[in-house]
Each structure stands twice: as C-alpha cells, then as structure tokens.
Amino acid sequence: MGETTKQETKTKPCCCVALVGVLVIVFAWWPVSWGAIALTILGAIIILKELIGQCCCKSSTCKPKITS
C-alpha cells in the first residue's frame, strides 16, 4: 500500500511580534503614567494576531516554510 506524506507548515519568526515583545518589556519596566494602557494595547495586538493566525505584517520573512 502506498503511504501518503503529510507536509508540515512551520512559520518563520515574525519580526513585528518580536518588536511588540520588546515594547512589552520596555513598558513593563518604564514607569510612565500611561504604561498600563500601552501594555493592554500591546497584549490585545498579540491576542488578535494569534486568533487570526496570520502575521500582522506582509513581510517575506513571515511566510510559512513547508517541509516534507
């Protein structure tokens, strides 16, 4: 019997989410009056990105890599 091979789709690291992560760290340590608002907005961006399942930028570095 012939076996079918499944292709796995792996995404490359997204540069815009890495930038959001850096901003989360900055606002967590930087004591500004609007820091909590900034952290809430950045958290919402991360959650929406995960719910949508796509990168928020259209960069070539974020395209999925298909391995067999």
N, C-alpha and C. Protein backbone atom coordinates (compact mmCIF):
# COMPACT_ATOMS: atom_id res chain seq x y z
N MET A 1 0.83 -1.19 0.00
CA MET A 1 0.00 0.00 0.00
C MET A 1 0.87 1.24 0.00
N GLY A 2 0.45 2.23 -0.72
CA GLY A 2 1.22 3.46 -0.80
C GLY A 2 0.96 4.36 0.41
N GLU A 3 2.02 4.91 0.90
CA GLU A 3 1.89 5.83 2.03
C GLU A 3 1.81 7.26 1.51
N THR A 4 0.97 8.02 2.12
CA THR A 4 0.89 9.43 1.76
C THR A 4 1.72 10.22 2.74
N THR A 5 2.41 11.19 2.23
CA THR A 5 3.24 12.02 3.09
C THR A 5 2.53 13.32 3.38
N LYS A 6 2.58 13.73 4.61
CA LYS A 6 1.99 14.99 5.00
C LYS A 6 3.08 16.05 5.06
N GLN A 7 2.73 17.22 4.59
CA GLN A 7 3.68 18.32 4.65
C GLN A 7 3.40 19.15 5.89
N GLU A 8 4.43 19.46 6.62
CA GLU A 8 4.28 20.30 7.80
C GLU A 8 4.55 21.74 7.42
N THR A 9 3.74 22.61 7.93
CA THR A 9 3.93 24.03 7.68
C THR A 9 4.46 24.66 8.95
N LYS A 10 5.64 25.20 8.87
CA LYS A 10 6.25 25.89 10.01
C LYS A 10 6.44 27.34 9.62
N THR A 11 6.06 28.23 10.53
CA THR A 11 6.23 29.64 10.22
C THR A 11 7.56 30.12 10.75
N LYS A 12 8.13 31.03 10.03
CA LYS A 12 9.37 31.66 10.48
C LYS A 12 9.03 32.68 11.55
N PRO A 13 9.98 33.08 12.36
CA PRO A 13 9.71 34.08 13.38
C PRO A 13 9.22 35.38 12.75
N CYS A 14 8.24 35.98 13.39
CA CYS A 14 7.66 37.22 12.87
C CYS A 14 8.38 38.40 13.51
N CYS A 15 8.89 39.27 12.68
CA CYS A 15 9.66 40.40 13.19
C CYS A 15 8.77 41.41 13.91
N CYS A 16 7.53 41.57 13.48
CA CYS A 16 6.68 42.57 14.13
C CYS A 16 6.25 42.11 15.52
N VAL A 17 6.03 40.81 15.71
CA VAL A 17 5.67 40.31 17.04
C VAL A 17 6.88 40.39 17.97
N ALA A 18 8.07 40.21 17.44
CA ALA A 18 9.27 40.37 18.25
C ALA A 18 9.40 41.82 18.71
N LEU A 19 9.06 42.76 17.85
CA LEU A 19 9.07 44.17 18.22
C LEU A 19 8.04 44.46 19.30
N VAL A 20 6.86 43.87 19.19
CA VAL A 20 5.83 44.05 20.22
C VAL A 20 6.32 43.47 21.55
N GLY A 21 7.01 42.35 21.50
CA GLY A 21 7.56 41.77 22.72
C GLY A 21 8.58 42.67 23.38
N VAL A 22 9.41 43.30 22.59
CA VAL A 22 10.39 44.25 23.13
C VAL A 22 9.67 45.43 23.78
N LEU A 23 8.62 45.92 23.12
CA LEU A 23 7.86 47.03 23.68
C LEU A 23 7.17 46.65 24.99
N VAL A 24 6.70 45.41 25.10
CA VAL A 24 6.10 44.94 26.35
C VAL A 24 7.12 45.01 27.48
N ILE A 25 8.32 44.55 27.21
CA ILE A 25 9.37 44.58 28.23
C ILE A 25 9.71 46.03 28.61
N VAL A 26 9.81 46.90 27.61
CA VAL A 26 10.14 48.30 27.88
C VAL A 26 9.07 48.95 28.75
N PHE A 27 7.80 48.76 28.39
CA PHE A 27 6.73 49.40 29.15
C PHE A 27 6.51 48.76 30.51
N ALA A 28 6.92 47.52 30.68
CA ALA A 28 6.81 46.87 31.99
C ALA A 28 7.81 47.48 32.97
N TRP A 29 8.95 47.94 32.49
CA TRP A 29 9.98 48.47 33.36
C TRP A 29 10.03 50.00 33.39
N TRP A 30 9.42 50.65 32.43
CA TRP A 30 9.49 52.10 32.33
C TRP A 30 8.30 52.71 33.06
N PRO A 31 8.55 53.45 34.13
CA PRO A 31 7.44 53.98 34.95
C PRO A 31 6.83 55.25 34.34
N VAL A 32 5.87 55.08 33.46
CA VAL A 32 5.13 56.20 32.90
C VAL A 32 3.65 56.03 33.28
N SER A 33 2.93 57.13 33.31
CA SER A 33 1.53 57.06 33.75
C SER A 33 0.65 56.26 32.79
N TRP A 34 0.99 56.21 31.53
CA TRP A 34 0.20 55.52 30.53
C TRP A 34 0.76 54.14 30.19
N GLY A 35 1.67 53.64 31.01
CA GLY A 35 2.30 52.35 30.73
C GLY A 35 1.32 51.18 30.75
N ALA A 36 0.34 51.22 31.67
CA ALA A 36 -0.65 50.14 31.74
C ALA A 36 -1.52 50.11 30.49
N ILE A 37 -1.84 51.28 29.98
CA ILE A 37 -2.64 51.35 28.75
C ILE A 37 -1.85 50.78 27.58
N ALA A 38 -0.57 51.13 27.50
CA ALA A 38 0.28 50.63 26.42
C ALA A 38 0.41 49.10 26.50
N LEU A 39 0.58 48.56 27.70
CA LEU A 39 0.69 47.11 27.85
C LEU A 39 -0.61 46.42 27.46
N THR A 40 -1.74 47.02 27.78
CA THR A 40 -3.04 46.45 27.41
C THR A 40 -3.21 46.42 25.89
N ILE A 41 -2.84 47.49 25.23
CA ILE A 41 -2.96 47.54 23.77
C ILE A 41 -2.02 46.54 23.11
N LEU A 42 -0.79 46.45 23.60
CA LEU A 42 0.17 45.50 23.03
C LEU A 42 -0.30 44.06 23.26
N GLY A 43 -0.86 43.79 24.43
CA GLY A 43 -1.40 42.46 24.70
C GLY A 43 -2.55 42.12 23.77
N ALA A 44 -3.41 43.09 23.51
CA ALA A 44 -4.54 42.88 22.59
C ALA A 44 -4.04 42.60 21.18
N ILE A 45 -2.98 43.27 20.77
CA ILE A 45 -2.40 43.02 19.44
C ILE A 45 -1.89 41.59 19.34
N ILE A 46 -1.22 41.12 20.38
CA ILE A 46 -0.70 39.75 20.38
C ILE A 46 -1.85 38.75 20.34
N ILE A 47 -2.90 38.98 21.13
CA ILE A 47 -4.04 38.07 21.15
C ILE A 47 -4.73 38.03 19.79
N LEU A 48 -4.96 39.19 19.19
CA LEU A 48 -5.60 39.23 17.88
C LEU A 48 -4.76 38.54 16.82
N LYS A 49 -3.46 38.70 16.89
CA LYS A 49 -2.57 38.04 15.93
C LYS A 49 -2.70 36.52 16.04
N GLU A 50 -2.78 36.02 17.26
CA GLU A 50 -2.91 34.58 17.45
C GLU A 50 -4.28 34.07 17.04
N LEU A 51 -5.34 34.85 17.28
CA LEU A 51 -6.68 34.43 16.89
C LEU A 51 -6.85 34.42 15.37
N ILE A 52 -6.25 35.39 14.70
CA ILE A 52 -6.32 35.45 13.25
C ILE A 52 -5.48 34.35 12.63
N GLY A 53 -4.35 34.06 13.23
CA GLY A 53 -3.47 33.01 12.72
C GLY A 53 -2.54 33.46 11.62
N GLN A 54 -2.45 34.75 11.40
CA GLN A 54 -1.55 35.28 10.39
C GLN A 54 -0.71 36.39 11.01
N CYS A 55 0.38 36.63 10.37
CA CYS A 55 1.24 37.72 10.82
C CYS A 55 0.60 39.05 10.46
N CYS A 56 0.82 40.04 11.29
CA CYS A 56 0.22 41.35 11.03
C CYS A 56 0.97 42.12 9.95
N CYS A 57 2.19 41.73 9.66
CA CYS A 57 2.93 42.39 8.58
C CYS A 57 2.93 41.49 7.35
N LYS A 58 3.18 42.05 6.23
CA LYS A 58 3.21 41.29 4.97
C LYS A 58 4.64 41.12 4.47
N SER A 59 5.53 40.87 5.39
CA SER A 59 6.94 40.75 5.05
C SER A 59 7.24 39.36 4.50
N SER A 60 8.26 39.25 3.70
CA SER A 60 8.65 37.95 3.16
C SER A 60 9.28 37.06 4.24
N THR A 61 9.70 37.64 5.36
CA THR A 61 10.28 36.85 6.44
C THR A 61 9.21 36.09 7.22
N CYS A 62 7.95 36.44 7.06
CA CYS A 62 6.89 35.82 7.83
C CYS A 62 6.12 34.76 7.03
N LYS A 63 6.51 34.48 5.81
CA LYS A 63 5.81 33.46 5.03
C LYS A 63 6.09 32.08 5.60
N PRO A 64 5.11 31.18 5.53
CA PRO A 64 5.33 29.83 6.08
C PRO A 64 6.35 29.04 5.29
N LYS A 65 7.08 28.20 6.00
CA LYS A 65 8.08 27.33 5.38
C LYS A 65 7.50 25.92 5.36
N ILE A 66 7.41 25.31 4.20
CA ILE A 66 6.83 23.98 4.06
C ILE A 66 7.96 22.96 4.00
N THR A 67 7.90 21.99 4.91
CA THR A 67 8.89 20.93 4.93
C THR A 67 8.18 19.61 4.63
N SER A 68 8.89 18.72 4.00
CA SER A 68 8.29 17.41 3.71
C SER A 68 9.02 16.31 4.40
